[in-house]
Every structure is written in structure tokens, then in C-alpha cells.
Amino acid sequence: MQGKIIGNISNVYKIKTENKEYNAYARGKLKNNEITPLVGDNVEIQVTDEEKSEAIIEKVEQRKNEIKRPKISNIDQIIFVISTKHPKPDLLMLDKQLAYAEKLGINAIIIINKIDLKDNYIEIKEEYSKVGYKVIVTSAKENKGIEEVKEILKNKVSVFSGNSGVGKSSLINAIFDTDKTQEGEVSKKNKKGKNTTTDTKLYEIEKNTYIADTPGFSSFEINEIESSELDKYFIEIEKELGNCEFVGCTHIKEEKCGVKQAVQDGKISQGRYERFCEIYNELKDKANEKVDSAQKEFDEKKQSTYQELEDAKTKLDAAKEEISNSESKINASEKKIKTEESKLEKQFKDAQKEINNAENKIEEKETELKNGEEELQKNKKEAEDGIKKIDEGLNTVKTNLEQLRTQKSQ
């Protein structure tokens, strides 16, 4: 199902479809792909609970444009609102906003509100109409100019932007003829607006016609624009660039500058030119600050790197010395080991010699013992033979004695 995101509160997105509105969360895969849905996005949703009007955002269609502050996409035109009084017209901010719109390629329209308070709007209208911008004067309080505003909004997605208190919410309420947004107050002490719009929302006036009320700006920065590119985003200045003698002319200090000549000839208003110069210097100062900051960071990192290298060199030298000491110890140990090896080798040889001598003596003793045993056996045999002869002699004597006894008895 197709729809458009018309609101976002704490990542709960209000989706407008053909027939109804749904509250939806973004599918996890969108977060994984670092896609954050924005108000103004055309999306594809899957309904998870029709009765509770709940859904999941499955896909974010390709955007034709995107504004980072406030976060909103697919804008057809930006309505820059200023007031004649309370707060007073901030033309410097208006020129910043217009330059930013030119950079984004989004059509810009100017509304001068609160004309019931002061008539200084005539000069402002003439100045910006001459540049080529559509300028509408209104009084939300008296409902003046509201129909003209409604006409330029048809079939478009429009963003209302401007300082707090200029009457953006009042204008939107007048367009709807109802309280769609909370109207801001103006501080009586400093005559500056108090911001009442805290969320970016799209309001549908009629089919295919939306307006966005965005949080009021306490400041407006256009640092995305390079100072050297600023002249391209001032419409009337851009037309005169071909008349400058020098390439890269800043249109501030240079002589024979086509832009400065156009100011003298009345083609460019003095006020717009002075604000261009102020914005240019502001952007240049910001750029220089970034360069200085980057240089400072580089120098700090460079110094830190040098220090790390010095520390590493010190550690390396210490390691080399330790290795050298270790090598000396190793060499001494190796020498000692060789000496011990020599001693052990001599002792081994001496021991081996003693063992050989002992083995020879054992062999000799074994030979002597063997010879002794043989002699002993011989002597034993001779003794046994002697004993045998003695026994035989005794037996002979005994026999003779018996014979003698026999003869004597007879």
C-alpha cells in the first residue's frame, strides 16, 4: 500500500493513504541500510492491524530533494514568512534562506505577514519582487491575502519557514479556517517570537496539496554553501557575473566588478548587496575557522605523532641496548658452556679410560679365576684319587687283619 509520511513523533510515523491514516514504525531493514524516513517521504507500507490503524514502513521511495533542517523531503516550494513587526523583519536571515533554497533548487515564495501592524512591507515587497521572487502580503489576523496564498499552494507540497513569532502557525490556521497549529506568543520584553511548533507536520488542504509547519528557527546556518559559490545563489548577482573583469571575483574589494557596477546602476539593491557581503564574510570566516580548527587539529596530531615517534625511538633504543646486553650475556654463557663442555669431555675421556682399564683388569681377573678353577678341579681330582687309593689300602689292610684273626683263632 502506498502512502505519504505527514508526521513523526518519537519515530512513530503518521502515514496518509488514499483512504485513511496509519501509525507506522520503520522496518528494521531500513535502519540496517541507514535509511531514516522523513516527513514528506512517499512510502510503501504493510498494514499490521487494520482495526488499530497500525502498519510497518517497508520501503522509502526515491526523494527528489531533502532538507536537513528541518528534516523534510519532496518539497515543491518553500514559503519564507517574515513579519512587519514583532518580530521586526530579519532580511539577513531571509537572504540566507533564499540562497539556501536556490542551492537546493526549490522554488521560493516570500510572505510578508502582519501588514496590519506596520506599512514597511511596501519597500520590502518591491525589493524582492524586483529580484524575481513571488511576494505576497498578508494579515492572518485580518484574513488578508489568505486566498492568494491558498492559490499558490494548490497541488504542491509547501514548507512554511521563518523566525518564531512571524505568524506561520497563524497563517496555516487561517488557510484551514481552524486551529490546526498552536499559535506562538511574542515576548513583550524583547519583541522576539517564542517558538510553539516543535514537530514537522504536513497538513492536507485538499487532495495532493500539503503544507508543512516546521519548528521555528532561532538561527539559520547555510554553511553548506562555499563563500566562493554564494554569488550563484543570489539571483540578481548571478546575472551580472559575466560582467566582472576578474575570474573568481568576490564582488567586495575588486575594482571593475560587474556586480558592484550593477549596484551603482540600481540593478541590484544596496540592501541585498550589503547582506550578500555580510553573508559572504560570515561564510568565509566560518570556512577559515574550519581551516584553522583543522590546522590546529593537524598540528596537534602531528605533534602527538612526533612524540609517539620519539617515544617509540626511545623504546627501540632501550630494546636494542637490552638486546645487546642479552647478546653479551649469551656470548658469555656460550663461552662458559664451551669451557664446561671441554671439562666434561676431558672428564668423560678420563672416565672412559678408567673404565677400559677396569674392564681389562676384570678380564685378567676372570682369566686368573678361570685358571684357578681349572687347577682347583685338577687338585680336587687328584685328592679324590688319593682318597680312593687310601680307601683301597685300608680295605686291603682290613682284609689282611681279618685273615690274620681267622688264622690265629684256628
Protein backbone atom coordinates (compact mmCIF):
# COMPACT_ATOMS: atom_id res chain seq x y z
CA MET A 1 0.00 0.00 0.00
CA GLN A 2 1.31 3.45 -0.95
CA GLY A 3 1.22 6.45 1.34
CA LYS A 4 2.93 9.69 2.40
CA ILE A 5 4.52 10.45 5.75
CA ILE A 6 2.74 13.51 7.15
CA GLY A 7 4.07 13.44 10.70
CA ASN A 8 6.64 11.91 13.03
CA ILE A 9 6.60 11.83 16.81
CA SER A 10 9.31 9.74 18.52
CA ASN A 11 9.77 7.60 15.38
CA VAL A 12 6.07 6.82 15.14
CA TYR A 13 5.19 7.93 11.62
CA LYS A 14 1.77 9.19 10.58
CA ILE A 15 1.05 7.80 7.10
CA LYS A 16 -1.62 9.29 4.83
CA THR A 17 -3.01 6.81 2.28
CA GLU A 18 -5.83 7.05 -0.25
CA ASN A 19 -8.49 6.09 2.28
CA LYS A 20 -7.18 6.59 5.84
CA GLU A 21 -4.23 7.34 8.10
CA TYR A 22 -1.97 4.82 9.85
CA ASN A 23 0.58 4.94 12.64
CA ALA A 24 3.68 3.11 11.46
CA TYR A 25 7.16 2.07 12.51
CA ALA A 26 10.09 1.69 10.13
CA ARG A 27 11.07 -1.84 9.17
CA GLY A 28 14.38 -2.93 10.70
CA LYS A 29 16.00 -3.40 7.29
CA LEU A 30 15.63 0.35 6.65
CA LYS A 31 17.66 1.09 9.79
CA ASN A 32 20.21 -1.54 8.77
CA ASN A 33 20.56 0.27 5.42
CA GLU A 34 20.84 3.59 7.29
CA ILE A 35 17.60 4.88 5.78
CA THR A 36 15.67 7.18 8.10
CA PRO A 37 12.15 8.01 6.91
CA LEU A 38 11.34 11.73 6.75
CA VAL A 39 8.15 13.73 6.74
CA GLY A 40 7.26 14.15 3.07
CA ASP A 41 8.55 10.72 2.04
CA ASN A 42 6.42 8.62 -0.27
CA VAL A 43 6.47 5.13 1.22
CA GLU A 44 5.22 1.61 0.81
CA ILE A 45 3.59 0.18 3.94
CA GLN A 46 2.24 -3.13 5.16
CA VAL A 47 -0.81 -2.94 7.41
CA THR A 48 -0.32 -5.00 10.59
CA ASP A 49 -3.58 -4.15 12.36
CA GLU A 50 -6.38 -2.58 10.33
CA GLU A 51 -8.61 -2.05 13.35
CA LYS A 52 -5.89 -0.17 15.27
CA SER A 53 -4.64 1.53 12.08
CA GLU A 54 -1.12 0.23 12.59
CA ALA A 55 1.43 -0.52 9.88
CA ILE A 56 5.09 -1.08 9.05
CA ILE A 57 7.07 1.03 6.55
CA GLU A 58 8.56 -1.44 4.07
CA LYS A 59 10.16 0.95 1.58
CA VAL A 60 11.02 4.63 1.16
CA GLU A 61 10.68 5.81 -2.43
CA GLN A 62 13.45 7.87 -4.01
CA ARG A 63 13.39 11.51 -2.91
CA LYS A 64 13.51 14.41 -5.34
CA ASN A 65 15.04 16.62 -2.65
CA GLU A 66 15.72 16.74 1.07
CA ILE A 67 16.16 19.46 3.67
CA LYS A 68 18.35 18.64 6.65
CA ARG A 69 16.97 21.34 8.93
CA PRO A 70 14.11 20.96 9.35
CA LYS A 71 14.15 17.31 8.23
CA ILE A 72 11.66 17.02 5.40
CA SER A 73 11.68 15.71 1.82
CA ASN A 74 9.99 16.01 -1.60
CA ILE A 75 9.29 19.72 -1.31
CA ASP A 76 7.85 21.69 -4.24
CA GLN A 77 8.27 25.15 -2.73
CA ILE A 78 9.36 26.93 0.42
CA ILE A 79 7.24 29.76 1.78
CA PHE A 80 9.51 32.13 3.71
CA VAL A 81 7.47 34.15 6.18
CA ILE A 82 8.61 37.43 7.70
CA SER A 83 6.60 39.95 9.68
CA THR A 84 6.46 43.72 9.55
CA LYS A 85 6.73 43.99 13.33
CA HIS A 86 7.02 41.82 16.47
CA PRO A 87 9.47 40.47 15.47
CA LYS A 88 10.88 43.00 13.05
CA PRO A 89 11.80 41.84 9.53
CA ASP A 90 15.03 39.81 9.56
CA LEU A 91 16.12 40.32 5.96
CA LEU A 92 19.59 38.87 6.61
CA MET A 93 18.05 35.55 7.58
CA LEU A 94 15.61 35.80 4.67
CA ASP A 95 18.50 36.22 2.22
CA LYS A 96 20.26 33.24 3.78
CA GLN A 97 17.10 31.18 3.40
CA LEU A 98 16.61 32.29 -0.20
CA ALA A 99 20.23 31.43 -1.07
CA TYR A 100 19.80 28.01 0.55
CA ALA A 101 16.60 27.40 -1.44
CA GLU A 102 18.43 28.34 -4.65
CA LYS A 103 21.17 25.84 -3.78
CA LEU A 104 18.56 23.12 -3.21
CA GLY A 105 16.80 24.06 -6.44
CA ILE A 106 13.48 24.57 -4.65
CA ASN A 107 11.13 27.39 -5.65
CA ALA A 108 10.96 30.14 -3.01
CA ILE A 109 7.99 32.39 -2.21
CA ILE A 110 8.02 35.25 0.30
CA ILE A 111 5.10 36.12 2.56
CA ILE A 112 5.17 39.41 4.48
CA ASN A 113 2.75 38.89 7.37
CA LYS A 114 1.26 41.23 9.97
CA ILE A 115 0.77 44.11 7.49
CA ASP A 116 -1.89 45.38 9.88
CA LEU A 117 0.88 46.39 12.32
CA LYS A 118 3.15 48.43 10.02
CA ASP A 119 3.31 49.52 6.38
CA ASN A 120 7.06 49.00 5.85
CA TYR A 121 6.22 45.92 3.78
CA ILE A 122 5.84 48.02 0.57
CA GLU A 123 9.58 48.68 0.27
CA ILE A 124 10.42 45.07 1.11
CA LYS A 125 7.93 43.73 -1.43
CA GLU A 126 9.34 45.98 -4.15
CA GLU A 127 12.93 44.96 -3.36
CA TYR A 128 12.30 41.21 -3.62
CA SER A 129 9.75 41.41 -6.44
CA LYS A 130 12.40 43.22 -8.46
CA VAL A 131 14.77 40.30 -7.86
CA GLY A 132 12.15 37.94 -9.29
CA TYR A 133 10.58 36.39 -6.22
CA LYS A 134 6.84 35.97 -5.73
CA VAL A 135 5.93 38.17 -2.74
CA ILE A 136 2.53 38.01 -1.01
CA VAL A 137 1.48 40.38 1.76
CA THR A 138 -0.87 39.03 4.41
CA SER A 139 -2.52 39.63 7.71
CA ALA A 140 -3.53 36.35 9.28
CA LYS A 141 -5.30 38.29 11.97
CA GLU A 142 -7.49 40.18 9.44
CA ASN A 143 -7.58 37.30 6.91
CA LYS A 144 -5.93 39.47 4.23
CA GLY A 145 -4.05 37.76 1.38
CA ILE A 146 -5.10 34.27 2.54
CA GLU A 147 -6.89 33.40 -0.72
CA GLU A 148 -3.80 34.33 -2.74
CA VAL A 149 -1.75 32.08 -0.52
CA LYS A 150 -4.23 29.22 -0.99
CA GLU A 151 -3.95 29.62 -4.75
CA ILE A 152 -0.14 29.16 -4.84
CA LEU A 153 -0.39 26.10 -2.62
CA LYS A 154 -2.60 24.04 -4.94
CA ASN A 155 -1.21 20.60 -5.99
CA LYS A 156 2.07 21.24 -4.23
CA VAL A 157 3.92 20.26 -1.07
CA SER A 158 4.93 23.54 0.53
CA VAL A 159 7.08 24.27 3.56
CA PHE A 160 6.43 27.28 5.74
CA SER A 161 9.63 28.63 7.29
CA GLY A 162 10.70 31.69 9.19
CA ASN A 163 11.58 33.08 12.58
CA SER A 164 9.43 32.26 15.58
CA GLY A 165 6.56 34.67 16.07
CA VAL A 166 6.25 35.79 12.43
CA GLY A 167 2.87 34.06 12.18
CA LYS A 168 3.49 30.79 10.32
CA SER A 169 1.05 28.85 12.50
CA SER A 170 -1.46 31.70 12.36
CA LEU A 171 -1.32 31.65 8.56
CA ILE A 172 -1.84 27.89 8.46
CA ASN A 173 -4.80 28.19 10.80
CA ALA A 174 -6.23 30.96 8.58
CA ILE A 175 -5.76 28.77 5.48
CA PHE A 176 -7.68 25.93 7.15
CA ASP A 177 -10.02 28.34 8.91
CA THR A 178 -9.43 26.27 12.06
CA ASP A 179 -6.83 25.81 14.79
CA LYS A 180 -4.54 23.31 13.12
CA THR A 181 -1.45 24.52 14.98
CA GLN A 182 -0.69 26.28 18.22
CA GLU A 183 -0.09 29.98 17.66
CA GLY A 184 3.09 31.46 19.11
CA GLU A 185 3.34 34.30 21.52
CA VAL A 186 5.64 37.26 21.23
CA SER A 187 7.76 38.25 24.19
CA LYS A 188 6.80 41.76 25.25
CA LYS A 189 10.28 42.29 26.67
CA ASN A 190 12.34 41.72 23.53
CA LYS A 191 9.61 41.57 20.87
CA LYS A 192 11.00 38.23 19.66
CA GLY A 193 8.84 35.30 18.82
CA LYS A 194 8.51 32.29 21.08
CA ASN A 195 8.61 29.00 19.22
CA THR A 196 5.42 26.97 19.55
CA THR A 197 5.80 24.47 16.71
CA THR A 198 8.00 21.60 17.90
CA ASP A 199 7.35 18.91 15.27
CA THR A 200 7.44 18.96 11.49
CA LYS A 201 3.97 18.10 10.18
CA LEU A 202 2.26 18.02 6.80
CA TYR A 203 -1.32 19.27 6.65
CA GLU A 204 -3.51 18.32 3.71
CA ILE A 205 -5.53 21.27 2.44
CA GLU A 206 -7.08 19.28 -0.37
CA LYS A 207 -6.08 16.25 -2.43
CA ASN A 208 -2.39 16.42 -3.45
CA THR A 209 -1.99 19.74 -1.65
CA TYR A 210 0.07 19.76 1.54
CA ILE A 211 1.68 22.40 3.69
CA ALA A 212 4.33 21.83 6.34
CA ASP A 213 4.63 23.71 9.55
CA THR A 214 8.19 23.37 10.82
CA PRO A 215 9.87 24.19 14.14
CA GLY A 216 10.79 27.87 14.27
CA PHE A 217 14.40 28.86 13.72
CA SER A 218 16.36 30.65 16.39
CA SER A 219 19.20 30.74 13.85
CA PHE A 220 19.71 29.71 10.29
CA GLU A 221 23.04 28.46 9.01
CA ILE A 222 23.94 27.93 5.36
CA ASN A 223 27.46 26.61 5.90
CA GLU A 224 26.86 24.01 3.19
CA ILE A 225 27.42 26.87 0.73
CA GLU A 226 31.01 27.83 0.00
CA SER A 227 31.65 31.57 0.16
CA SER A 228 33.04 31.42 -3.40
CA GLU A 229 29.73 29.87 -4.58
CA LEU A 230 27.39 32.30 -2.80
CA ASP A 231 27.09 34.69 -5.79
CA LYS A 232 25.43 31.90 -7.79
CA TYR A 233 22.56 31.77 -5.29
CA PHE A 234 21.72 35.47 -5.34
CA ILE A 235 19.59 35.62 -8.50
CA GLU A 236 20.31 39.22 -9.46
CA ILE A 237 24.02 38.91 -8.68
CA GLU A 238 24.36 35.70 -10.67
CA LYS A 239 23.08 37.55 -13.74
CA GLU A 240 25.97 40.06 -13.52
CA LEU A 241 28.85 37.60 -13.05
CA GLY A 242 29.80 37.76 -16.71
CA ASN A 243 30.48 41.49 -16.36
CA CYS A 244 33.23 41.05 -13.77
CA GLU A 245 36.74 41.55 -15.17
CA PHE A 246 38.44 39.03 -12.89
CA VAL A 247 37.71 35.32 -12.63
CA GLY A 248 36.89 34.44 -9.02
CA CYS A 249 35.81 38.00 -8.25
CA THR A 250 34.42 38.23 -4.70
CA HIS A 251 32.47 41.41 -5.63
CA ILE A 252 33.69 43.11 -2.45
CA LYS A 253 37.21 44.59 -2.82
CA GLU A 254 37.83 44.21 -6.54
CA GLU A 255 37.72 47.09 -9.00
CA LYS A 256 35.93 46.75 -12.35
CA CYS A 257 33.41 44.41 -10.73
CA GLY A 258 30.19 43.92 -12.74
CA VAL A 259 28.18 43.29 -9.57
CA LYS A 260 29.33 46.49 -7.85
CA GLN A 261 28.60 48.41 -11.03
CA ALA A 262 25.11 46.88 -11.11
CA VAL A 263 24.57 48.12 -7.54
CA GLN A 264 25.59 51.64 -8.62
CA ASP A 265 23.28 51.41 -11.62
CA GLY A 266 20.34 50.36 -9.40
CA LYS A 267 20.03 46.86 -10.91
CA ILE A 268 20.88 45.34 -7.54
CA SER A 269 19.55 46.88 -4.34
CA GLN A 270 22.08 48.28 -1.91
CA GLY A 271 20.48 46.34 0.96
CA ARG A 272 20.69 42.97 -0.84
CA TYR A 273 24.30 43.66 -1.83
CA GLU A 274 25.30 44.61 1.72
CA ARG A 275 23.64 41.46 3.10
CA PHE A 276 25.41 39.43 0.40
CA CYS A 277 28.72 40.87 1.62
CA GLU A 278 27.83 40.11 5.24
CA ILE A 279 26.83 36.52 4.43
CA TYR A 280 29.95 36.11 2.27
CA ASN A 281 32.22 37.27 5.10
CA GLU A 282 30.33 35.08 7.56
CA LEU A 283 30.78 32.01 5.34
CA LYS A 284 34.43 32.88 4.74
CA ASP A 285 35.04 33.36 8.48
CA LYS A 286 33.31 30.04 9.16
CA ALA A 287 35.44 28.38 6.49
CA ASN A 288 38.58 29.98 7.93
CA GLU A 289 37.56 28.79 11.38
CA LYS A 290 37.18 25.28 9.99
CA VAL A 291 40.57 25.55 8.29
CA ASP A 292 42.15 26.91 11.48
CA SER A 293 40.44 24.21 13.50
CA ALA A 294 41.57 21.56 11.03
CA GLN A 295 45.11 23.01 11.03
CA LYS A 296 45.14 23.07 14.82
CA GLU A 297 43.91 19.50 14.92
CA PHE A 298 46.52 18.55 12.32
CA ASP A 299 49.29 20.29 14.27
CA GLU A 300 48.17 18.58 17.48
CA LYS A 301 48.07 15.21 15.76
CA LYS A 302 51.44 15.98 14.14
CA GLN A 303 52.95 16.89 17.50
CA SER A 304 51.34 13.85 19.05
CA THR A 305 52.71 11.68 16.24
CA TYR A 306 56.20 13.17 16.64
CA GLN A 307 56.01 12.49 20.37
CA GLU A 308 54.85 8.96 19.71
CA LEU A 309 57.74 8.51 17.28
CA GLU A 310 60.19 9.87 19.84
CA ASP A 311 58.74 7.57 22.49
CA ALA A 312 58.92 4.68 20.04
CA LYS A 313 62.56 5.57 19.20
CA THR A 314 63.42 5.70 22.90
CA LYS A 315 61.78 2.32 23.41
CA LEU A 316 63.59 0.97 20.34
CA ASP A 317 66.96 2.21 21.61
CA ALA A 318 66.22 0.67 25.00
CA ALA A 319 65.24 -2.56 23.29
CA LYS A 320 68.44 -2.50 21.21
CA GLU A 321 70.50 -1.95 24.35
CA GLU A 322 68.66 -4.75 26.09
CA ILE A 323 69.26 -6.99 23.09
CA SER A 324 72.95 -6.02 23.09
CA ASN A 325 73.19 -6.81 26.81
CA SER A 326 71.39 -10.06 26.21
CA GLU A 327 73.78 -10.93 23.36
CA SER A 328 76.75 -10.23 25.65
CA LYS A 329 75.21 -12.45 28.31
CA ILE A 330 74.51 -15.11 25.70
CA ASN A 331 78.09 -14.92 24.40
CA ALA A 332 79.43 -15.20 27.95
CA SER A 333 77.09 -18.11 28.60
CA GLU A 334 78.13 -19.80 25.36
CA LYS A 335 81.83 -19.39 26.31
CA LYS A 336 81.14 -20.79 29.76
CA ILE A 337 79.20 -23.66 28.23
CA LYS A 338 82.08 -24.43 25.84
CA THR A 339 84.52 -24.43 28.77
CA GLU A 340 82.25 -26.72 30.73
CA GLU A 341 81.83 -28.89 27.66
CA SER A 342 85.62 -29.16 27.32
CA LYS A 343 85.94 -30.10 31.00
CA LEU A 344 83.16 -32.63 30.72
CA GLU A 345 84.67 -34.03 27.53
CA LYS A 346 88.07 -34.49 29.29
CA GLN A 347 86.36 -35.99 32.31
CA PHE A 348 84.42 -38.27 30.00
CA LYS A 349 87.61 -39.40 28.22
CA ASP A 350 89.39 -39.96 31.55
CA ALA A 351 86.42 -41.87 32.85
CA GLN A 352 86.27 -43.88 29.65
CA LYS A 353 89.98 -44.70 30.01
CA GLU A 354 89.49 -45.77 33.62
CA ILE A 355 86.54 -47.89 32.58
CA ASN A 356 88.64 -49.54 29.86
CA ASN A 357 91.45 -50.23 32.35
CA ALA A 358 88.96 -51.62 34.83
CA GLU A 359 87.45 -53.81 32.17
CA ASN A 360 90.95 -55.11 31.26
CA LYS A 361 91.67 -55.86 34.91
CA ILE A 362 88.36 -57.65 35.21
CA GLU A 363 89.19 -59.70 32.17
CA GLU A 364 92.58 -60.57 33.68
CA LYS A 365 90.98 -61.49 36.97
CA GLU A 366 88.39 -63.53 35.20
CA THR A 367 91.20 -65.36 33.33
CA GLU A 368 93.08 -65.91 36.57
CA LEU A 369 89.91 -67.11 38.23
CA LYS A 370 89.23 -69.44 35.36
CA ASN A 371 92.76 -70.83 35.54
CA GLY A 372 92.42 -71.15 39.32
CA GLU A 373 89.21 -73.09 38.94
CA GLU A 374 90.83 -75.45 36.46
CA GLU A 375 93.77 -76.02 38.88
CA LEU A 376 91.33 -76.49 41.71
CA GLN A 377 89.45 -79.10 39.74
CA LYS A 378 92.70 -80.87 38.93
CA ASN A 379 93.80 -80.85 42.57
CA LYS A 380 90.34 -81.96 43.62
CA LYS A 381 90.53 -84.90 41.22
CA GLU A 382 94.00 -85.81 42.45
CA ALA A 383 92.75 -85.64 46.05
CA GLU A 384 89.79 -87.76 45.24
CA ASP A 385 92.08 -90.30 43.50
CA GLY A 386 94.37 -90.26 46.58
CA ILE A 387 91.44 -90.80 48.90
CA LYS A 388 90.27 -93.60 46.70
CA LYS A 389 93.72 -95.29 46.89
CA ILE A 390 93.76 -94.81 50.66
CA ASP A 391 90.34 -96.38 50.90
CA GLU A 392 91.54 -99.26 48.76
CA GLY A 393 94.65 -99.64 51.01
CA LEU A 394 92.53 -99.59 54.15
CA ASN A 395 90.23 -102.16 52.69
CA THR A 396 93.29 -104.36 51.92
CA VAL A 397 94.62 -103.89 55.45
CA LYS A 398 91.24 -104.71 56.87
CA THR A 399 91.04 -107.82 54.77
CA ASN A 400 94.51 -108.90 55.85
CA LEU A 401 93.64 -108.29 59.52
CA GLU A 402 90.58 -110.43 59.26
CA GLN A 403 92.58 -113.17 57.64
CA LEU A 404 95.16 -112.96 60.42
CA ARG A 405 92.45 -113.12 63.03
CA THR A 406 90.99 -116.14 61.34
CA GLN A 407 94.26 -117.90 61.14
CA LYS A 408 95.03 -117.10 64.80
CA SER A 409 91.77 -118.50 66.00
CA GLN A 410 92.41 -121.70 64.23
